[in-house]
Amino acid sequence: MIANISRQLTTGALAIAGTVAAFGFAGAAQAVTVSTLTITGDATISPWGTTNPVLTPTSVTGVSNGTGQFASVTVANVTTPKPFTLSGTGSGTNTTVTFSPPPGPSLGFTTIATPGLVTPNVTPTLATGSNTPIASSASLTTYNVSGNAIFIEPFLPNFLGGFNISFTLGGAPDSVAGTYSLTLVKTDIPEPVAVPEPSAILGILAVAGAGAFARRKS
């Protein structure tokens, strides 16, 4: 079981690393991680084999690995993450199942008081699960959801990053009480500022030109 959990944590770390690496833009410096935080707690988790399993964090019981902006964050500074509903059904043992499509975006996934309020908005890009027998009538089920995050800051700019949340459920086949571990990674890349579409820009210029022409005629 310990080996399985270690593989789970490694998978989560690799998923976040891939997400952060994706923020390297051509001609720009590679993304640098500036803040990290791990949040843990209890969860209600659909048993393996449930169609469209629901993964629901129910409490925050610990925080760790806080760095940068999140270095002084405590349990009291964090709100319980929102739930995810996966698409599909987990089947088989000792194999990884991909749930597709991944869950939709979650705005206000959690909040972190730093003391200003930071709100990660997350967009999952991958959801997987696995089930491993650990006894004649018990098993260890894990679900992982990972993807991109935008950290909404108290003051602009907002910053890009990634997240991975792992749910663990062990015991009898009908057990639903488990735990979760959420890792957040914030980079130094600011959220891109929305640029008007070319057609909108041309429309603005056309209106400005018409106004100037009208003034000249008058």
N, C-alpha and C. Protein backbone atom coordinates (compact mmCIF):
# COMPACT_ATOMS: atom_id res chain seq x y z
N MET A 1 0.83 -1.20 0.00
CA MET A 1 0.00 0.00 0.00
C MET A 1 0.86 1.24 0.00
N ILE A 2 1.98 1.23 0.78
CA ILE A 2 2.86 2.39 0.84
C ILE A 2 3.46 2.65 -0.54
N ALA A 3 3.85 1.56 -1.23
CA ALA A 3 4.41 1.74 -2.57
C ALA A 3 3.39 2.35 -3.51
N ASN A 4 2.13 1.93 -3.37
CA ASN A 4 1.08 2.46 -4.24
C ASN A 4 0.88 3.95 -4.00
N ILE A 5 0.87 4.36 -2.73
CA ILE A 5 0.71 5.78 -2.40
C ILE A 5 1.88 6.58 -2.92
N SER A 6 3.11 6.01 -2.83
CA SER A 6 4.28 6.70 -3.34
C SER A 6 4.16 6.93 -4.84
N ARG A 7 3.68 5.89 -5.57
CA ARG A 7 3.48 6.07 -7.01
C ARG A 7 2.45 7.14 -7.28
N GLN A 8 1.40 7.19 -6.44
CA GLN A 8 0.34 8.18 -6.61
C GLN A 8 0.90 9.58 -6.46
N LEU A 9 1.71 9.81 -5.42
CA LEU A 9 2.27 11.14 -5.19
C LEU A 9 3.24 11.52 -6.30
N THR A 10 4.02 10.53 -6.77
CA THR A 10 4.94 10.80 -7.88
C THR A 10 4.18 11.19 -9.13
N THR A 11 3.09 10.49 -9.41
CA THR A 11 2.26 10.82 -10.57
C THR A 11 1.73 12.24 -10.47
N GLY A 12 1.27 12.63 -9.28
CA GLY A 12 0.77 13.99 -9.09
C GLY A 12 1.84 15.02 -9.30
N ALA A 13 3.04 14.76 -8.78
CA ALA A 13 4.15 15.70 -8.95
C ALA A 13 4.52 15.85 -10.41
N LEU A 14 4.54 14.73 -11.16
CA LEU A 14 4.86 14.79 -12.58
C LEU A 14 3.80 15.54 -13.35
N ALA A 15 2.53 15.35 -12.97
CA ALA A 15 1.44 16.05 -13.65
C ALA A 15 1.59 17.54 -13.48
N ILE A 16 1.91 17.99 -12.26
CA ILE A 16 2.10 19.42 -12.03
C ILE A 16 3.32 19.93 -12.78
N ALA A 17 4.39 19.15 -12.76
CA ALA A 17 5.61 19.56 -13.47
C ALA A 17 5.32 19.77 -14.95
N GLY A 18 4.51 18.86 -15.54
CA GLY A 18 4.15 19.00 -16.94
C GLY A 18 3.31 20.23 -17.18
N THR A 19 2.41 20.50 -16.26
CA THR A 19 1.55 21.68 -16.38
C THR A 19 2.37 22.95 -16.32
N VAL A 20 3.29 23.03 -15.36
CA VAL A 20 4.12 24.23 -15.21
C VAL A 20 5.02 24.39 -16.42
N ALA A 21 5.58 23.27 -16.93
CA ALA A 21 6.46 23.35 -18.10
C ALA A 21 5.72 23.89 -19.31
N ALA A 22 4.43 23.63 -19.38
CA ALA A 22 3.63 24.08 -20.53
C ALA A 22 3.50 25.60 -20.57
N PHE A 23 3.83 26.27 -19.46
CA PHE A 23 3.71 27.73 -19.44
C PHE A 23 4.94 28.43 -20.02
N GLY A 24 5.94 27.67 -20.49
CA GLY A 24 7.10 28.29 -21.12
C GLY A 24 6.73 28.72 -22.52
N PHE A 25 6.80 30.01 -22.80
CA PHE A 25 6.40 30.53 -24.11
C PHE A 25 7.64 30.75 -24.97
N ALA A 26 7.46 30.63 -26.27
CA ALA A 26 8.56 30.86 -27.19
C ALA A 26 9.10 32.26 -27.01
N GLY A 27 10.42 32.34 -26.87
CA GLY A 27 11.05 33.64 -26.72
C GLY A 27 10.95 34.22 -25.32
N ALA A 28 10.34 33.48 -24.38
CA ALA A 28 10.22 33.98 -23.01
C ALA A 28 10.93 33.01 -22.08
N ALA A 29 11.25 33.50 -20.90
CA ALA A 29 11.93 32.66 -19.91
C ALA A 29 11.00 31.54 -19.46
N GLN A 30 11.61 30.40 -19.09
CA GLN A 30 10.83 29.28 -18.59
C GLN A 30 10.13 29.68 -17.30
N ALA A 31 8.93 29.11 -17.08
CA ALA A 31 8.19 29.41 -15.86
C ALA A 31 8.99 29.02 -14.63
N VAL A 32 8.94 29.87 -13.63
CA VAL A 32 9.62 29.60 -12.36
C VAL A 32 8.58 29.48 -11.26
N THR A 33 8.64 28.40 -10.48
CA THR A 33 7.72 28.22 -9.37
C THR A 33 8.09 29.20 -8.26
N VAL A 34 7.12 30.00 -7.82
CA VAL A 34 7.39 31.00 -6.78
C VAL A 34 6.66 30.71 -5.48
N SER A 35 5.58 29.92 -5.53
CA SER A 35 4.82 29.60 -4.32
C SER A 35 4.21 28.21 -4.46
N THR A 36 4.23 27.44 -3.36
CA THR A 36 3.60 26.12 -3.35
C THR A 36 2.84 25.94 -2.04
N LEU A 37 1.87 25.05 -2.06
CA LEU A 37 1.11 24.75 -0.85
C LEU A 37 0.43 23.39 -1.04
N THR A 38 0.45 22.58 0.04
CA THR A 38 -0.26 21.31 0.06
C THR A 38 -1.35 21.38 1.13
N ILE A 39 -2.57 21.04 0.75
CA ILE A 39 -3.72 21.06 1.64
C ILE A 39 -4.26 19.63 1.74
N THR A 40 -4.49 19.17 2.97
CA THR A 40 -5.01 17.81 3.16
C THR A 40 -6.27 17.85 4.02
N GLY A 41 -7.07 16.79 3.90
CA GLY A 41 -8.30 16.73 4.69
C GLY A 41 -9.08 15.46 4.42
N ASP A 42 -10.28 15.42 4.97
CA ASP A 42 -11.18 14.27 4.80
C ASP A 42 -12.02 14.47 3.54
N ALA A 43 -12.54 13.36 3.02
CA ALA A 43 -13.34 13.43 1.80
C ALA A 43 -14.34 12.29 1.75
N THR A 44 -15.43 12.54 1.04
CA THR A 44 -16.38 11.49 0.70
C THR A 44 -16.13 11.11 -0.75
N ILE A 45 -15.89 9.82 -0.98
CA ILE A 45 -15.40 9.36 -2.29
C ILE A 45 -16.26 8.20 -2.78
N SER A 46 -16.71 8.28 -4.02
CA SER A 46 -17.49 7.18 -4.59
C SER A 46 -16.63 5.92 -4.70
N PRO A 47 -17.16 4.75 -4.34
CA PRO A 47 -16.39 3.50 -4.44
C PRO A 47 -16.02 3.20 -5.89
N TRP A 48 -14.98 2.40 -6.05
CA TRP A 48 -14.55 1.97 -7.37
C TRP A 48 -15.67 1.20 -8.06
N GLY A 49 -15.90 1.50 -9.33
CA GLY A 49 -16.98 0.87 -10.06
C GLY A 49 -18.23 1.70 -10.14
N THR A 50 -18.26 2.83 -9.42
CA THR A 50 -19.40 3.74 -9.48
C THR A 50 -19.37 4.51 -10.80
N THR A 51 -20.50 4.63 -11.44
CA THR A 51 -20.59 5.42 -12.66
C THR A 51 -20.54 6.90 -12.31
N ASN A 52 -19.69 7.65 -13.01
CA ASN A 52 -19.50 9.08 -12.77
C ASN A 52 -19.21 9.35 -11.29
N PRO A 53 -18.09 8.83 -10.77
CA PRO A 53 -17.79 8.99 -9.34
C PRO A 53 -17.66 10.45 -8.92
N VAL A 54 -18.12 10.73 -7.71
CA VAL A 54 -18.06 12.07 -7.14
C VAL A 54 -17.01 12.10 -6.04
N LEU A 55 -16.13 13.10 -6.10
CA LEU A 55 -15.03 13.24 -5.16
C LEU A 55 -15.24 14.55 -4.39
N THR A 56 -15.57 14.43 -3.10
CA THR A 56 -16.00 15.60 -2.34
C THR A 56 -15.13 15.83 -1.10
N PRO A 57 -14.23 16.81 -1.13
CA PRO A 57 -13.53 17.18 0.11
C PRO A 57 -14.54 17.69 1.13
N THR A 58 -14.38 17.29 2.39
CA THR A 58 -15.34 17.69 3.43
C THR A 58 -14.71 18.52 4.55
N SER A 59 -13.39 18.59 4.59
CA SER A 59 -12.74 19.36 5.64
C SER A 59 -11.30 19.67 5.24
N VAL A 60 -10.70 20.58 5.97
CA VAL A 60 -9.26 20.85 5.86
C VAL A 60 -8.64 20.49 7.20
N THR A 61 -7.74 19.53 7.21
CA THR A 61 -7.14 19.09 8.47
C THR A 61 -5.66 19.42 8.57
N GLY A 62 -5.05 19.83 7.46
CA GLY A 62 -3.63 20.16 7.52
C GLY A 62 -3.17 20.93 6.31
N VAL A 63 -2.11 21.72 6.48
CA VAL A 63 -1.41 22.37 5.37
C VAL A 63 0.08 22.16 5.58
N SER A 64 0.81 22.06 4.48
CA SER A 64 2.25 21.83 4.57
C SER A 64 2.91 22.32 3.29
N ASN A 65 4.25 22.30 3.31
CA ASN A 65 5.04 22.65 2.12
C ASN A 65 4.74 24.05 1.60
N GLY A 66 4.33 24.95 2.48
CA GLY A 66 4.06 26.32 2.06
C GLY A 66 5.35 27.07 1.77
N THR A 67 5.44 27.65 0.58
CA THR A 67 6.60 28.45 0.21
C THR A 67 6.15 29.75 -0.41
N GLY A 68 7.06 30.71 -0.49
CA GLY A 68 6.75 31.99 -1.13
C GLY A 68 5.57 32.68 -0.48
N GLN A 69 4.60 33.06 -1.27
CA GLN A 69 3.42 33.76 -0.78
C GLN A 69 2.64 32.93 0.24
N PHE A 70 2.76 31.59 0.19
CA PHE A 70 1.97 30.72 1.05
C PHE A 70 2.77 30.20 2.25
N ALA A 71 3.92 30.77 2.53
CA ALA A 71 4.81 30.24 3.56
C ALA A 71 4.19 30.24 4.95
N SER A 72 3.35 31.21 5.25
CA SER A 72 2.78 31.35 6.61
C SER A 72 1.33 30.88 6.69
N VAL A 73 0.83 30.24 5.66
CA VAL A 73 -0.57 29.81 5.64
C VAL A 73 -0.81 28.68 6.64
N THR A 74 -1.92 28.76 7.38
CA THR A 74 -2.32 27.73 8.33
C THR A 74 -3.67 27.15 7.92
N VAL A 75 -4.11 26.13 8.64
CA VAL A 75 -5.41 25.51 8.36
C VAL A 75 -6.53 26.55 8.40
N ALA A 76 -6.43 27.49 9.32
CA ALA A 76 -7.48 28.50 9.48
C ALA A 76 -7.56 29.45 8.30
N ASN A 77 -6.52 29.49 7.46
CA ASN A 77 -6.48 30.42 6.32
C ASN A 77 -7.02 29.83 5.03
N VAL A 78 -7.47 28.56 5.06
CA VAL A 78 -7.83 27.86 3.83
C VAL A 78 -9.27 27.37 3.92
N THR A 79 -9.98 27.46 2.79
CA THR A 79 -11.34 26.92 2.73
C THR A 79 -11.33 25.55 2.05
N THR A 80 -12.33 24.74 2.35
CA THR A 80 -12.42 23.39 1.80
C THR A 80 -12.58 23.44 0.28
N PRO A 81 -11.76 22.68 -0.47
CA PRO A 81 -11.88 22.68 -1.94
C PRO A 81 -13.25 22.17 -2.39
N LYS A 82 -13.63 22.59 -3.58
CA LYS A 82 -14.91 22.17 -4.16
C LYS A 82 -14.80 20.74 -4.72
N PRO A 83 -15.94 20.05 -4.89
CA PRO A 83 -15.93 18.67 -5.38
C PRO A 83 -15.72 18.58 -6.89
N PHE A 84 -15.36 17.38 -7.33
CA PHE A 84 -15.28 17.06 -8.75
C PHE A 84 -16.17 15.85 -9.03
N THR A 85 -16.80 15.84 -10.20
CA THR A 85 -17.52 14.67 -10.69
C THR A 85 -16.81 14.17 -11.94
N LEU A 86 -16.38 12.92 -11.94
CA LEU A 86 -15.68 12.35 -13.08
C LEU A 86 -16.66 11.75 -14.08
N SER A 87 -16.20 11.56 -15.30
CA SER A 87 -17.04 10.98 -16.36
C SER A 87 -16.57 9.57 -16.67
N GLY A 88 -17.45 8.59 -16.46
CA GLY A 88 -17.07 7.22 -16.75
C GLY A 88 -17.19 6.32 -15.54
N THR A 89 -16.64 5.12 -15.66
CA THR A 89 -16.71 4.13 -14.59
C THR A 89 -15.36 3.46 -14.43
N GLY A 90 -14.86 3.41 -13.20
CA GLY A 90 -13.62 2.71 -12.93
C GLY A 90 -13.84 1.21 -12.99
N SER A 91 -12.93 0.48 -13.63
CA SER A 91 -13.06 -0.97 -13.72
C SER A 91 -11.69 -1.62 -13.71
N GLY A 92 -11.63 -2.87 -13.25
CA GLY A 92 -10.38 -3.60 -13.20
C GLY A 92 -9.57 -3.27 -11.97
N THR A 93 -8.48 -4.00 -11.80
CA THR A 93 -7.57 -3.79 -10.67
C THR A 93 -6.14 -3.69 -11.18
N ASN A 94 -5.32 -3.01 -10.38
CA ASN A 94 -3.89 -2.86 -10.69
C ASN A 94 -3.66 -2.25 -12.08
N THR A 95 -4.53 -1.36 -12.47
CA THR A 95 -4.37 -0.65 -13.74
C THR A 95 -4.91 0.76 -13.59
N THR A 96 -4.40 1.69 -14.37
CA THR A 96 -4.85 3.08 -14.31
C THR A 96 -5.93 3.33 -15.36
N VAL A 97 -7.04 3.91 -14.92
CA VAL A 97 -8.16 4.22 -15.80
C VAL A 97 -8.23 5.74 -15.98
N THR A 98 -8.37 6.19 -17.21
CA THR A 98 -8.53 7.62 -17.49
C THR A 98 -10.01 7.94 -17.66
N PHE A 99 -10.47 8.93 -16.90
CA PHE A 99 -11.87 9.37 -17.00
C PHE A 99 -11.91 10.54 -17.98
N SER A 100 -12.68 10.35 -19.05
CA SER A 100 -12.70 11.36 -20.12
C SER A 100 -14.13 11.66 -20.55
N PRO A 101 -14.43 12.95 -20.79
CA PRO A 101 -13.54 14.11 -20.63
C PRO A 101 -13.30 14.44 -19.17
N PRO A 102 -12.23 15.20 -18.87
CA PRO A 102 -11.99 15.59 -17.47
C PRO A 102 -13.09 16.52 -16.99
N PRO A 103 -13.20 16.71 -15.68
CA PRO A 103 -14.22 17.63 -15.15
C PRO A 103 -14.04 19.04 -15.71
N GLY A 104 -15.12 19.81 -15.69
CA GLY A 104 -15.06 21.18 -16.17
C GLY A 104 -14.33 22.09 -15.19
N PRO A 105 -14.09 23.35 -15.60
CA PRO A 105 -13.40 24.31 -14.73
C PRO A 105 -14.15 24.52 -13.41
N SER A 106 -13.38 24.81 -12.37
CA SER A 106 -13.95 25.09 -11.05
C SER A 106 -13.47 26.47 -10.60
N LEU A 107 -14.36 27.45 -10.66
CA LEU A 107 -14.02 28.81 -10.22
C LEU A 107 -14.13 28.87 -8.71
N GLY A 108 -13.20 29.55 -8.08
CA GLY A 108 -13.21 29.62 -6.63
C GLY A 108 -13.03 28.25 -6.00
N PHE A 109 -12.12 27.44 -6.57
CA PHE A 109 -11.91 26.07 -6.14
C PHE A 109 -11.60 25.99 -4.65
N THR A 110 -10.82 26.93 -4.16
CA THR A 110 -10.56 27.11 -2.74
C THR A 110 -10.11 28.55 -2.57
N THR A 111 -9.97 29.01 -1.34
CA THR A 111 -9.42 30.35 -1.10
C THR A 111 -8.33 30.24 -0.05
N ILE A 112 -7.35 31.14 -0.17
CA ILE A 112 -6.19 31.13 0.73
C ILE A 112 -5.96 32.55 1.21
N ALA A 113 -6.04 32.76 2.53
CA ALA A 113 -5.78 34.07 3.11
C ALA A 113 -4.28 34.23 3.34
N THR A 114 -3.69 35.32 2.77
CA THR A 114 -2.22 35.40 2.78
C THR A 114 -1.53 36.63 3.40
N PRO A 115 -2.13 37.68 3.98
CA PRO A 115 -3.51 37.83 4.44
C PRO A 115 -4.51 38.27 3.37
N GLY A 116 -4.04 38.86 2.25
CA GLY A 116 -4.99 39.13 1.18
C GLY A 116 -5.51 37.81 0.63
N LEU A 117 -6.71 37.82 0.08
CA LEU A 117 -7.34 36.57 -0.34
C LEU A 117 -6.89 36.19 -1.75
N VAL A 118 -6.31 34.98 -1.87
CA VAL A 118 -5.91 34.42 -3.15
C VAL A 118 -6.89 33.31 -3.50
N THR A 119 -7.44 33.33 -4.71
CA THR A 119 -8.44 32.35 -5.14
C THR A 119 -7.95 31.60 -6.37
N PRO A 120 -7.61 30.31 -6.23
CA PRO A 120 -7.24 29.53 -7.41
C PRO A 120 -8.48 29.10 -8.20
N ASN A 121 -8.55 29.51 -9.45
CA ASN A 121 -9.54 28.99 -10.39
C ASN A 121 -8.85 27.88 -11.18
N VAL A 122 -9.39 26.66 -11.17
CA VAL A 122 -8.68 25.54 -11.77
C VAL A 122 -9.44 24.98 -12.97
N THR A 123 -8.68 24.46 -13.91
CA THR A 123 -9.22 23.79 -15.09
C THR A 123 -8.56 22.43 -15.22
N PRO A 124 -9.25 21.36 -14.87
CA PRO A 124 -8.67 20.01 -14.98
C PRO A 124 -8.37 19.65 -16.43
N THR A 125 -7.24 18.98 -16.63
CA THR A 125 -6.88 18.47 -17.96
C THR A 125 -6.72 16.96 -17.96
N LEU A 126 -6.66 16.34 -16.77
CA LEU A 126 -6.48 14.89 -16.69
C LEU A 126 -7.12 14.38 -15.41
N ALA A 127 -7.87 13.27 -15.53
CA ALA A 127 -8.48 12.61 -14.37
C ALA A 127 -8.26 11.11 -14.51
N THR A 128 -7.66 10.50 -13.50
CA THR A 128 -7.37 9.08 -13.56
C THR A 128 -7.78 8.41 -12.24
N GLY A 129 -7.83 7.10 -12.26
CA GLY A 129 -8.14 6.34 -11.06
C GLY A 129 -7.55 4.95 -11.13
N SER A 130 -7.41 4.31 -9.98
CA SER A 130 -6.91 2.94 -9.93
C SER A 130 -7.44 2.26 -8.68
N ASN A 131 -7.44 0.93 -8.72
CA ASN A 131 -7.92 0.14 -7.60
C ASN A 131 -6.97 -1.03 -7.38
N THR A 132 -6.50 -1.18 -6.14
CA THR A 132 -5.54 -2.24 -5.81
C THR A 132 -6.03 -3.04 -4.62
N PRO A 133 -6.22 -4.36 -4.77
CA PRO A 133 -6.60 -5.19 -3.62
C PRO A 133 -5.52 -5.17 -2.55
N ILE A 134 -5.94 -5.02 -1.29
CA ILE A 134 -4.98 -5.04 -0.18
C ILE A 134 -5.29 -6.15 0.82
N ALA A 135 -6.43 -6.80 0.64
CA ALA A 135 -6.84 -7.93 1.49
C ALA A 135 -7.94 -8.68 0.77
N SER A 136 -8.40 -9.77 1.36
CA SER A 136 -9.41 -10.59 0.69
C SER A 136 -10.70 -9.83 0.44
N SER A 137 -11.04 -8.88 1.29
CA SER A 137 -12.29 -8.13 1.13
C SER A 137 -12.07 -6.62 1.25
N ALA A 138 -10.90 -6.16 0.92
CA ALA A 138 -10.59 -4.73 1.02
C ALA A 138 -9.70 -4.32 -0.14
N SER A 139 -9.75 -3.05 -0.47
CA SER A 139 -8.94 -2.54 -1.57
C SER A 139 -8.57 -1.09 -1.32
N LEU A 140 -7.60 -0.61 -2.08
CA LEU A 140 -7.18 0.79 -2.02
C LEU A 140 -7.52 1.43 -3.35
N THR A 141 -8.40 2.43 -3.32
CA THR A 141 -8.81 3.16 -4.52
C THR A 141 -8.21 4.55 -4.48
N THR A 142 -7.65 4.98 -5.59
CA THR A 142 -7.12 6.34 -5.69
C THR A 142 -7.65 7.01 -6.94
N TYR A 143 -7.95 8.28 -6.81
CA TYR A 143 -8.33 9.11 -7.96
C TYR A 143 -7.40 10.32 -7.98
N ASN A 144 -7.00 10.75 -9.16
CA ASN A 144 -6.16 11.94 -9.31
C ASN A 144 -6.77 12.88 -10.35
N VAL A 145 -6.85 14.14 -10.01
CA VAL A 145 -7.30 15.17 -10.95
C VAL A 145 -6.23 16.25 -10.98
N SER A 146 -5.76 16.61 -12.16
CA SER A 146 -4.71 17.62 -12.27
C SER A 146 -4.98 18.53 -13.46
N GLY A 147 -4.31 19.67 -13.47
CA GLY A 147 -4.50 20.59 -14.57
C GLY A 147 -3.93 21.96 -14.30
N ASN A 148 -4.52 22.97 -14.93
CA ASN A 148 -4.03 24.34 -14.86
C ASN A 148 -4.76 25.14 -13.78
N ALA A 149 -4.10 26.18 -13.31
CA ALA A 149 -4.71 27.06 -12.32
C ALA A 149 -4.37 28.51 -12.64
N ILE A 150 -5.31 29.39 -12.36
CA ILE A 150 -5.06 30.83 -12.38
C ILE A 150 -5.27 31.33 -10.96
N PHE A 151 -4.24 31.93 -10.39
CA PHE A 151 -4.32 32.43 -9.02
C PHE A 151 -4.80 33.88 -9.05
N ILE A 152 -6.04 34.08 -8.62
CA ILE A 152 -6.63 35.43 -8.59
C ILE A 152 -6.11 36.13 -7.34
N GLU A 153 -5.33 37.17 -7.55
CA GLU A 153 -4.63 37.85 -6.47
C GLU A 153 -5.46 39.02 -5.92
N PRO A 154 -5.12 39.46 -4.69
CA PRO A 154 -5.79 40.64 -4.13
C PRO A 154 -5.60 41.87 -5.02
N PHE A 155 -4.43 41.95 -5.68
CA PHE A 155 -4.14 43.05 -6.59
C PHE A 155 -3.54 42.46 -7.87
N LEU A 156 -3.88 43.05 -9.00
CA LEU A 156 -3.33 42.57 -10.27
C LEU A 156 -1.81 42.73 -10.30
N PRO A 157 -1.11 41.85 -11.05
CA PRO A 157 -1.66 40.84 -11.96
C PRO A 157 -1.99 39.53 -11.24
N ASN A 158 -2.81 38.70 -11.88
CA ASN A 158 -3.01 37.32 -11.46
C ASN A 158 -1.90 36.47 -12.08
N PHE A 159 -1.72 35.25 -11.55
CA PHE A 159 -0.61 34.43 -12.02
C PHE A 159 -1.07 33.01 -12.40
N LEU A 160 -0.33 32.42 -13.34
CA LEU A 160 -0.62 31.07 -13.80
C LEU A 160 0.09 30.03 -12.94
N GLY A 161 -0.44 28.81 -12.96
CA GLY A 161 0.18 27.72 -12.21
C GLY A 161 -0.52 26.42 -12.51
N GLY A 162 -0.43 25.49 -11.57
CA GLY A 162 -1.03 24.18 -11.75
C GLY A 162 -1.52 23.60 -10.44
N PHE A 163 -2.25 22.48 -10.53
CA PHE A 163 -2.76 21.84 -9.32
C PHE A 163 -2.84 20.33 -9.55
N ASN A 164 -2.79 19.60 -8.46
CA ASN A 164 -3.08 18.16 -8.47
C ASN A 164 -3.78 17.81 -7.16
N ILE A 165 -4.90 17.11 -7.26
CA ILE A 165 -5.60 16.67 -6.06
C ILE A 165 -5.76 15.15 -6.14
N SER A 166 -5.32 14.46 -5.09
CA SER A 166 -5.38 13.00 -5.03
C SER A 166 -6.35 12.59 -3.94
N PHE A 167 -7.25 11.68 -4.27
CA PHE A 167 -8.22 11.14 -3.32
C PHE A 167 -7.87 9.68 -3.04
N THR A 168 -7.91 9.31 -1.77
CA THR A 168 -7.56 7.94 -1.38
C THR A 168 -8.69 7.35 -0.56
N LEU A 169 -9.11 6.14 -0.95
CA LEU A 169 -10.21 5.45 -0.29
C LEU A 169 -9.78 4.01 -0.04
N GLY A 170 -9.75 3.60 1.22
CA GLY A 170 -9.33 2.25 1.54
C GLY A 170 -10.35 1.54 2.41
N GLY A 171 -10.40 0.21 2.29
CA GLY A 171 -11.30 -0.56 3.15
C GLY A 171 -12.27 -1.41 2.36
N ALA A 172 -13.44 -1.63 2.95
CA ALA A 172 -14.46 -2.48 2.33
C ALA A 172 -14.96 -1.87 1.02
N PRO A 173 -15.50 -2.70 0.12
CA PRO A 173 -15.94 -2.21 -1.20
C PRO A 173 -16.98 -1.09 -1.14
N ASP A 174 -17.78 -1.03 -0.08
CA ASP A 174 -18.83 -0.01 0.00
C ASP A 174 -18.41 1.19 0.83
N SER A 175 -17.15 1.27 1.22
CA SER A 175 -16.67 2.39 2.02
C SER A 175 -16.64 3.66 1.19
N VAL A 176 -16.97 4.81 1.81
CA VAL A 176 -16.95 6.10 1.10
C VAL A 176 -16.13 7.16 1.84
N ALA A 177 -15.66 6.87 3.03
CA ALA A 177 -14.91 7.84 3.84
C ALA A 177 -13.42 7.71 3.53
N GLY A 178 -12.86 8.78 2.96
CA GLY A 178 -11.45 8.75 2.61
C GLY A 178 -10.78 10.07 2.90
N THR A 179 -9.69 10.31 2.21
CA THR A 179 -8.91 11.54 2.41
C THR A 179 -8.50 12.10 1.05
N TYR A 180 -8.03 13.35 1.07
CA TYR A 180 -7.51 13.97 -0.15
C TYR A 180 -6.23 14.73 0.17
N SER A 181 -5.46 14.98 -0.86
CA SER A 181 -4.27 15.82 -0.75
C SER A 181 -4.20 16.69 -1.99
N LEU A 182 -4.24 18.01 -1.79
CA LEU A 182 -4.23 18.98 -2.88
C LEU A 182 -2.90 19.73 -2.88
N THR A 183 -2.23 19.73 -4.02
CA THR A 183 -1.00 20.49 -4.18
C THR A 183 -1.23 21.62 -5.18
N LEU A 184 -0.88 22.83 -4.78
CA LEU A 184 -1.00 24.02 -5.63
C LEU A 184 0.39 24.56 -5.93
N VAL A 185 0.62 24.93 -7.17
CA VAL A 185 1.90 25.49 -7.59
C VAL A 185 1.63 26.78 -8.36
N LYS A 186 2.19 27.88 -7.89
CA LYS A 186 2.04 29.17 -8.57
C LYS A 186 3.36 29.56 -9.21
N THR A 187 3.31 30.02 -10.47
CA THR A 187 4.52 30.42 -11.17
C THR A 187 4.63 31.95 -11.20
N ASP A 188 5.70 32.43 -11.83
CA ASP A 188 5.92 33.87 -11.95
C ASP A 188 5.34 34.43 -13.25
N ILE A 189 4.56 33.62 -13.99
CA ILE A 189 4.01 34.10 -15.25
C ILE A 189 2.64 34.73 -15.01
N PRO A 190 2.48 36.01 -15.32
CA PRO A 190 1.18 36.67 -15.12
C PRO A 190 0.14 36.16 -16.11
N GLU A 191 -1.12 36.22 -15.68
CA GLU A 191 -2.22 35.86 -16.57
C GLU A 191 -2.23 36.80 -17.77
N PRO A 192 -2.32 36.27 -18.99
CA PRO A 192 -2.34 37.14 -20.17
C PRO A 192 -3.51 38.12 -20.12
N VAL A 193 -3.25 39.35 -20.52
CA VAL A 193 -4.29 40.37 -20.57
C VAL A 193 -5.08 40.20 -21.86
N ALA A 194 -6.39 40.22 -21.76
CA ALA A 194 -7.24 40.05 -22.94
C ALA A 194 -6.99 41.18 -23.94
N VAL A 195 -6.80 40.80 -25.19
CA VAL A 195 -6.58 41.79 -26.26
C VAL A 195 -7.80 41.80 -27.16
N PRO A 196 -8.34 42.98 -27.53
CA PRO A 196 -9.52 43.02 -28.40
C PRO A 196 -9.28 42.32 -29.73
N GLU A 197 -10.31 41.70 -30.26
CA GLU A 197 -10.22 41.08 -31.58
C GLU A 197 -9.91 42.14 -32.64
N PRO A 198 -9.17 41.75 -33.70
CA PRO A 198 -8.85 42.73 -34.76
C PRO A 198 -10.08 43.44 -35.31
N SER A 199 -11.19 42.71 -35.46
CA SER A 199 -12.40 43.33 -36.01
C SER A 199 -12.91 44.43 -35.08
N ALA A 200 -12.77 44.20 -33.76
CA ALA A 200 -13.21 45.21 -32.80
C ALA A 200 -12.34 46.45 -32.88
N ILE A 201 -11.02 46.21 -33.05
CA ILE A 201 -10.10 47.33 -33.16
C ILE A 201 -10.40 48.15 -34.41
N LEU A 202 -10.65 47.46 -35.53
CA LEU A 202 -10.97 48.16 -36.77
C LEU A 202 -12.26 48.96 -36.63
N GLY A 203 -13.24 48.41 -35.90
CA GLY A 203 -14.48 49.12 -35.68
C GLY A 203 -14.26 50.40 -34.90
N ILE A 204 -13.42 50.32 -33.87
CA ILE A 204 -13.12 51.51 -33.07
C ILE A 204 -12.43 52.58 -33.93
N LEU A 205 -11.46 52.12 -34.74
CA LEU A 205 -10.76 53.06 -35.61
C LEU A 205 -11.70 53.69 -36.63
N ALA A 206 -12.64 52.88 -37.15
CA ALA A 206 -13.59 53.41 -38.14
C ALA A 206 -14.46 54.49 -37.52
N VAL A 207 -14.93 54.24 -36.31
CA VAL A 207 -15.77 55.24 -35.62
C VAL A 207 -14.97 56.50 -35.36
N ALA A 208 -13.71 56.33 -34.92
CA ALA A 208 -12.87 57.50 -34.64
C ALA A 208 -12.62 58.29 -35.91
N GLY A 209 -12.38 57.56 -37.05
CA GLY A 209 -12.13 58.23 -38.32
C GLY A 209 -13.35 58.99 -38.80
N ALA A 210 -14.52 58.39 -38.65
CA ALA A 210 -15.75 59.05 -39.07
C ALA A 210 -15.97 60.32 -38.26
N GLY A 211 -15.67 60.25 -36.97
CA GLY A 211 -15.85 61.44 -36.13
C GLY A 211 -14.92 62.55 -36.54
N ALA A 212 -13.67 62.17 -36.86
CA ALA A 212 -12.71 63.19 -37.27
C ALA A 212 -13.13 63.82 -38.59
N PHE A 213 -13.64 63.01 -39.53
CA PHE A 213 -14.10 63.53 -40.81
C PHE A 213 -15.27 64.48 -40.64
N ALA A 214 -16.20 64.13 -39.74
CA ALA A 214 -17.36 64.98 -39.48
C ALA A 214 -16.93 66.32 -38.90
N ARG A 215 -15.93 66.29 -38.01
CA ARG A 215 -15.46 67.54 -37.42
C ARG A 215 -14.81 68.44 -38.47
N ARG A 216 -14.06 67.81 -39.39
CA ARG A 216 -13.42 68.62 -40.44
C ARG A 216 -14.46 69.29 -41.33
N LYS A 217 -15.56 68.56 -41.65
CA LYS A 217 -16.61 69.14 -42.50
C LYS A 217 -17.33 70.28 -41.81
N SER A 218 -17.44 70.20 -40.49
CA SER A 218 -18.15 71.25 -39.78
C SER A 218 -17.22 72.45 -39.58
